Amino acid sequence: MSRFSTVAVFADCGVTQHQAQYRQVGESVARKKAHLVCIACNGEWPRALVDSALAHGGTVTVCSSGGKTLDVPRGVTVEMADDVRAAGARAALLGQALVALPGGLGAVSALYSAWVDTGGTEAGKPVGLLNQQGAFEVVRGFITDIASVGLGGVDHLVQVSDSFEDLWTRLARILE
């Protein structure tokens, strides 16, 4: 099975109710020796995700916008973009796969915009949705019933799982 080395993760910025899940994902990405890429919004980034990845020896890049200097932990690379949408697109270009974690509408909206801006189905990059506690059930239904018909093949590229380990395995299979 293929091992991919860079993943763009779209998650809520700052402190959220999903801290425990974000810490688990950060640790898992670091233990897989993969580079974590995420975006910052309004000077905030997904702190639990980044801190956990760093604590477990991972490498992290935060794509940001607005010219505001981020006070990120030592060892985090910051890439600047003109606006939040461009920051998301940059993250998507850097990642071999894109993953959305449970959270607010902003994170999944940023993932969708980034995916479309970098080629969508044409680019062939897989998208993973961590569906813990049914966070993406509506999106799963939309993909199955509507998007796969209109976009053809999108149901193969978009993977949904309740477990990050399973999601990672599914994404790696697509990248083989």
C-alpha atoms as a PDB file:
ATOM      1  CA  MET A   1       0.000   0.000   0.000  1.00  0.00           C
ATOM      2  CA  SER A   2       1.202   3.500  -0.834  1.00  0.00           C
ATOM      3  CA  ARG A   3       2.400   5.773   1.918  1.00  0.00           C
ATOM      4  CA  PHE A   4       1.678   9.375   1.312  1.00  0.00           C
ATOM      5  CA  SER A   5       3.768  12.024   2.950  1.00  0.00           C
ATOM      6  CA  THR A   6       1.698  15.229   3.051  1.00  0.00           C
ATOM      7  CA  VAL A   7      -1.910  15.798   4.083  1.00  0.00           C
ATOM      8  CA  ALA A   8      -3.874  19.054   4.074  1.00  0.00           C
ATOM      9  CA  VAL A   9      -6.253  19.059   7.030  1.00  0.00           C
ATOM     10  CA  PHE A  10      -9.164  21.497   7.206  1.00  0.00           C
ATOM     11  CA  ALA A  11     -10.385  22.068  10.749  1.00  0.00           C
ATOM     12  CA  ASP A  12     -11.820  24.740  13.020  1.00  0.00           C
ATOM     13  CA  CYS A  13      -9.281  27.342  14.087  1.00  0.00           C
ATOM     14  CA  GLY A  14      -8.541  28.296  17.673  1.00  0.00           C
ATOM     15  CA  VAL A  15     -10.101  26.418  20.571  1.00  0.00           C
ATOM     16  CA  THR A  16     -13.105  24.254  19.646  1.00  0.00           C
ATOM     17  CA  GLN A  17     -15.302  21.544  21.118  1.00  0.00           C
ATOM     18  CA  HIS A  18     -13.420  19.040  18.930  1.00  0.00           C
ATOM     19  CA  GLN A  19     -10.059  19.431  20.695  1.00  0.00           C
ATOM     20  CA  ALA A  20      -9.737  15.742  21.643  1.00  0.00           C
ATOM     21  CA  GLN A  21     -10.382  14.582  18.072  1.00  0.00           C
ATOM     22  CA  TYR A  22      -7.938  17.156  16.696  1.00  0.00           C
ATOM     23  CA  ARG A  23      -5.223  16.007  19.120  1.00  0.00           C
ATOM     24  CA  GLN A  24      -5.711  12.380  18.042  1.00  0.00           C
ATOM     25  CA  VAL A  25      -5.447  13.308  14.363  1.00  0.00           C
ATOM     26  CA  GLY A  26      -2.335  15.444  14.940  1.00  0.00           C
ATOM     27  CA  GLU A  27      -0.665  12.576  16.774  1.00  0.00           C
ATOM     28  CA  SER A  28      -1.651  10.068  14.098  1.00  0.00           C
ATOM     29  CA  VAL A  29      -0.326  12.205  11.232  1.00  0.00           C
ATOM     30  CA  ALA A  30       2.978  12.724  13.075  1.00  0.00           C
ATOM     31  CA  ARG A  31       3.341   9.017  13.861  1.00  0.00           C
ATOM     32  CA  LYS A  32       2.832   8.254  10.167  1.00  0.00           C
ATOM     33  CA  LYS A  33       5.759  10.604   9.450  1.00  0.00           C
ATOM     34  CA  ALA A  34       3.523  12.725   7.257  1.00  0.00           C
ATOM     35  CA  HIS A  35       3.713  16.485   6.896  1.00  0.00           C
ATOM     36  CA  LEU A  36       0.596  18.256   8.219  1.00  0.00           C
ATOM     37  CA  VAL A  37      -0.644  21.297   6.325  1.00  0.00           C
ATOM     38  CA  CYS A  38      -3.540  23.420   7.605  1.00  0.00           C
ATOM     39  CA  ILE A  39      -4.900  26.935   7.239  1.00  0.00           C
ATOM     40  CA  ALA A  40      -5.217  29.873   9.590  1.00  0.00           C
ATOM     41  CA  CYS A  41      -8.256  32.147   9.710  1.00  0.00           C
ATOM     42  CA  ASN A  42      -8.260  35.580  11.330  1.00  0.00           C
ATOM     43  CA  GLY A  43      -4.914  34.960  12.986  1.00  0.00           C
ATOM     44  CA  GLU A  44      -5.966  31.609  14.498  1.00  0.00           C
ATOM     45  CA  TRP A  45      -5.062  28.059  13.470  1.00  0.00           C
ATOM     46  CA  PRO A  46      -6.258  24.638  14.680  1.00  0.00           C
ATOM     47  CA  ARG A  47      -4.156  24.729  17.832  1.00  0.00           C
ATOM     48  CA  ALA A  48      -4.873  21.258  19.218  1.00  0.00           C
ATOM     49  CA  LEU A  49      -4.108  19.677  15.826  1.00  0.00           C
ATOM     50  CA  VAL A  50      -0.840  21.577  15.364  1.00  0.00           C
ATOM     51  CA  ASP A  51       0.337  21.250  18.973  1.00  0.00           C
ATOM     52  CA  SER A  52      -0.308  17.508  18.976  1.00  0.00           C
ATOM     53  CA  ALA A  53       1.520  16.938  15.691  1.00  0.00           C
ATOM     54  CA  LEU A  54       4.519  18.899  16.966  1.00  0.00           C
ATOM     55  CA  ALA A  55       4.497  17.121  20.342  1.00  0.00           C
ATOM     56  CA  HIS A  56       4.789  13.793  18.533  1.00  0.00           C
ATOM     57  CA  GLY A  57       7.662  14.860  16.273  1.00  0.00           C
ATOM     58  CA  GLY A  58       5.628  15.914  13.252  1.00  0.00           C
ATOM     59  CA  THR A  59       6.233  18.680  10.754  1.00  0.00           C
ATOM     60  CA  VAL A  60       3.626  21.376  10.197  1.00  0.00           C
ATOM     61  CA  THR A  61       2.926  24.129   7.679  1.00  0.00           C
ATOM     62  CA  VAL A  62       0.206  26.713   8.280  1.00  0.00           C
ATOM     63  CA  CYS A  63      -1.077  28.614   5.252  1.00  0.00           C
ATOM     64  CA  SER A  64      -2.318  32.064   6.251  1.00  0.00           C
ATOM     65  CA  SER A  65      -3.501  35.320   4.739  1.00  0.00           C
ATOM     66  CA  GLY A  66      -3.952  38.962   5.472  1.00  0.00           C
ATOM     67  CA  GLY A  67      -0.352  39.839   6.181  1.00  0.00           C
ATOM     68  CA  LYS A  68      -0.915  39.299   9.898  1.00  0.00           C
ATOM     69  CA  THR A  69       2.041  37.658  11.612  1.00  0.00           C
ATOM     70  CA  LEU A  70       1.044  34.410  13.297  1.00  0.00           C
ATOM     71  CA  ASP A  71       2.384  33.575  16.726  1.00  0.00           C
ATOM     72  CA  VAL A  72       2.746  29.876  15.887  1.00  0.00           C
ATOM     73  CA  PRO A  73       4.837  27.440  17.908  1.00  0.00           C
ATOM     74  CA  ARG A  74       8.494  27.034  17.088  1.00  0.00           C
ATOM     75  CA  GLY A  75       9.098  24.707  14.159  1.00  0.00           C
ATOM     76  CA  VAL A  76       5.920  25.579  12.261  1.00  0.00           C
ATOM     77  CA  THR A  77       6.438  26.875   8.728  1.00  0.00           C
ATOM     78  CA  VAL A  78       4.083  29.684   7.704  1.00  0.00           C
ATOM     79  CA  GLU A  79       3.179  30.307   4.073  1.00  0.00           C
ATOM     80  CA  MET A  80       1.387  33.552   3.281  1.00  0.00           C
ATOM     81  CA  ALA A  81      -1.331  34.032   0.666  1.00  0.00           C
ATOM     82  CA  ASP A  82      -3.385  37.010  -0.486  1.00  0.00           C
ATOM     83  CA  ASP A  83      -6.625  35.862   1.144  1.00  0.00           C
ATOM     84  CA  VAL A  84      -8.171  32.936   3.015  1.00  0.00           C
ATOM     85  CA  ARG A  85      -9.328  31.241  -0.182  1.00  0.00           C
ATOM     86  CA  ALA A  86      -5.820  31.435  -1.642  1.00  0.00           C
ATOM     87  CA  ALA A  87      -4.415  30.068   1.628  1.00  0.00           C
ATOM     88  CA  GLY A  88      -6.786  27.107   1.343  1.00  0.00           C
ATOM     89  CA  ALA A  89      -5.774  26.532  -2.271  1.00  0.00           C
ATOM     90  CA  ARG A  90      -2.106  26.613  -1.276  1.00  0.00           C
ATOM     91  CA  ALA A  91      -2.748  24.030   1.440  1.00  0.00           C
ATOM     92  CA  ALA A  92      -4.576  21.847  -1.097  1.00  0.00           C
ATOM     93  CA  LEU A  93      -1.680  22.112  -3.547  1.00  0.00           C
ATOM     94  CA  LEU A  94       0.784  21.058  -0.858  1.00  0.00           C
ATOM     95  CA  GLY A  95      -1.280  18.069   0.318  1.00  0.00           C
ATOM     96  CA  GLN A  96      -1.453  14.794  -1.538  1.00  0.00           C
ATOM     97  CA  ALA A  97      -4.856  14.279   0.074  1.00  0.00           C
ATOM     98  CA  LEU A  98      -7.334  16.651   1.714  1.00  0.00           C
ATOM     99  CA  VAL A  99      -9.099  15.862   4.982  1.00  0.00           C
ATOM    100  CA  ALA A 100     -11.934  17.663   6.767  1.00  0.00           C
ATOM    101  CA  LEU A 101     -12.323  17.176  10.501  1.00  0.00           C
ATOM    102  CA  PRO A 102     -15.605  17.635  12.365  1.00  0.00           C
ATOM    103  CA  GLY A 103     -16.270  21.264  13.092  1.00  0.00           C
ATOM    104  CA  GLY A 104     -18.047  24.273  11.747  1.00  0.00           C
ATOM    105  CA  LEU A 105     -19.213  25.056   8.261  1.00  0.00           C
ATOM    106  CA  GLY A 106     -16.135  27.228   7.660  1.00  0.00           C
ATOM    107  CA  ALA A 107     -13.733  24.283   7.627  1.00  0.00           C
ATOM    108  CA  VAL A 108     -15.701  22.164   5.170  1.00  0.00           C
ATOM    109  CA  SER A 109     -16.429  25.230   3.033  1.00  0.00           C
ATOM    110  CA  ALA A 110     -12.701  26.034   2.912  1.00  0.00           C
ATOM    111  CA  LEU A 111     -11.941  22.432   1.924  1.00  0.00           C
ATOM    112  CA  TYR A 112     -14.513  22.485  -0.862  1.00  0.00           C
ATOM    113  CA  SER A 113     -13.263  25.835  -2.218  1.00  0.00           C
ATOM    114  CA  ALA A 114      -9.645  24.668  -2.061  1.00  0.00           C
ATOM    115  CA  TRP A 115     -10.482  21.380  -3.799  1.00  0.00           C
ATOM    116  CA  VAL A 116     -12.376  23.160  -6.594  1.00  0.00           C
ATOM    117  CA  ASP A 117      -9.710  25.877  -6.959  1.00  0.00           C
ATOM    118  CA  THR A 118      -7.006  23.247  -7.416  1.00  0.00           C
ATOM    119  CA  GLY A 119      -8.844  21.181 -10.036  1.00  0.00           C
ATOM    120  CA  GLY A 120     -11.531  19.187  -8.225  1.00  0.00           C
ATOM    121  CA  THR A 121     -12.125  15.804  -9.815  1.00  0.00           C
ATOM    122  CA  GLU A 122      -9.746  16.653 -12.668  1.00  0.00           C
ATOM    123  CA  ALA A 123      -6.821  16.919 -10.233  1.00  0.00           C
ATOM    124  CA  GLY A 124      -7.607  13.473  -8.830  1.00  0.00           C
ATOM    125  CA  LYS A 125      -6.736  14.366  -5.247  1.00  0.00           C
ATOM    126  CA  PRO A 126      -8.681  12.320  -2.749  1.00  0.00           C
ATOM    127  CA  VAL A 127     -10.791  13.970  -0.070  1.00  0.00           C
ATOM    128  CA  GLY A 128     -11.456  12.397   3.303  1.00  0.00           C
ATOM    129  CA  LEU A 129     -14.210  13.341   5.719  1.00  0.00           C
ATOM    130  CA  LEU A 130     -13.800  12.224   9.330  1.00  0.00           C
ATOM    131  CA  ASN A 131     -17.394  11.392  10.143  1.00  0.00           C
ATOM    132  CA  GLN A 132     -17.137  11.036  13.925  1.00  0.00           C
ATOM    133  CA  GLN A 133     -20.521  11.474  15.586  1.00  0.00           C
ATOM    134  CA  GLY A 134     -22.170  11.738  12.153  1.00  0.00           C
ATOM    135  CA  ALA A 135     -20.505  15.081  11.365  1.00  0.00           C
ATOM    136  CA  PHE A 136     -20.658  14.538   7.588  1.00  0.00           C
ATOM    137  CA  GLU A 137     -23.770  12.382   7.116  1.00  0.00           C
ATOM    138  CA  VAL A 138     -25.502  15.097   5.094  1.00  0.00           C
ATOM    139  CA  VAL A 139     -22.427  15.523   2.898  1.00  0.00           C
ATOM    140  CA  ARG A 140     -22.208  11.747   2.405  1.00  0.00           C
ATOM    141  CA  GLY A 141     -25.813  11.709   1.205  1.00  0.00           C
ATOM    142  CA  PHE A 142     -25.194  14.634  -1.125  1.00  0.00           C
ATOM    143  CA  ILE A 143     -22.138  12.931  -2.632  1.00  0.00           C
ATOM    144  CA  THR A 144     -23.958   9.639  -3.121  1.00  0.00           C
ATOM    145  CA  ASP A 145     -27.238  11.008  -4.450  1.00  0.00           C
ATOM    146  CA  ILE A 146     -26.311  14.182  -6.310  1.00  0.00           C
ATOM    147  CA  ALA A 147     -22.623  14.963  -6.796  1.00  0.00           C
ATOM    148  CA  SER A 148     -21.610  11.543  -8.117  1.00  0.00           C
ATOM    149  CA  VAL A 149     -24.208  11.872 -10.866  1.00  0.00           C
ATOM    150  CA  GLY A 150     -23.201  15.398 -11.878  1.00  0.00           C
ATOM    151  CA  LEU A 151     -19.439  15.123 -11.423  1.00  0.00           C
ATOM    152  CA  GLY A 152     -18.895  11.456 -12.203  1.00  0.00           C
ATOM    153  CA  GLY A 153     -16.257   9.630 -10.198  1.00  0.00           C
ATOM    154  CA  VAL A 154     -16.437  11.952  -7.224  1.00  0.00           C
ATOM    155  CA  ASP A 155     -17.784   9.147  -5.039  1.00  0.00           C
ATOM    156  CA  HIS A 156     -14.485   7.318  -5.592  1.00  0.00           C
ATOM    157  CA  LEU A 157     -12.385  10.371  -4.659  1.00  0.00           C
ATOM    158  CA  VAL A 158     -14.379  11.342  -1.575  1.00  0.00           C
ATOM    159  CA  GLN A 159     -14.021   8.914   1.303  1.00  0.00           C
ATOM    160  CA  VAL A 160     -16.022   9.064   4.528  1.00  0.00           C
ATOM    161  CA  SER A 161     -15.121   7.173   7.685  1.00  0.00           C
ATOM    162  CA  ASP A 162     -15.764   7.280  11.431  1.00  0.00           C
ATOM    163  CA  SER A 163     -12.109   6.416  12.153  1.00  0.00           C
ATOM    164  CA  PHE A 164      -9.064   8.440  11.131  1.00  0.00           C
ATOM    165  CA  GLU A 165      -6.975   5.288  10.716  1.00  0.00           C
ATOM    166  CA  ASP A 166      -9.546   3.805   8.328  1.00  0.00           C
ATOM    167  CA  LEU A 167      -9.829   7.115   6.478  1.00  0.00           C
ATOM    168  CA  TRP A 168      -6.039   7.261   6.068  1.00  0.00           C
ATOM    169  CA  THR A 169      -6.001   3.716   4.661  1.00  0.00           C
ATOM    170  CA  ARG A 170      -8.762   4.542   2.173  1.00  0.00           C
ATOM    171  CA  LEU A 171      -6.954   7.667   0.991  1.00  0.00           C
ATOM    172  CA  ALA A 172      -3.671   5.759   0.617  1.00  0.00           C
ATOM    173  CA  ARG A 173      -5.406   3.193  -1.603  1.00  0.00           C
ATOM    174  CA  ILE A 174      -6.605   5.926  -3.934  1.00  0.00           C
ATOM    175  CA  LEU A 175      -3.074   7.311  -4.168  1.00  0.00           C
ATOM    176  CA  GLU A 176      -1.560   3.916  -5.116  1.00  0.00           C
END
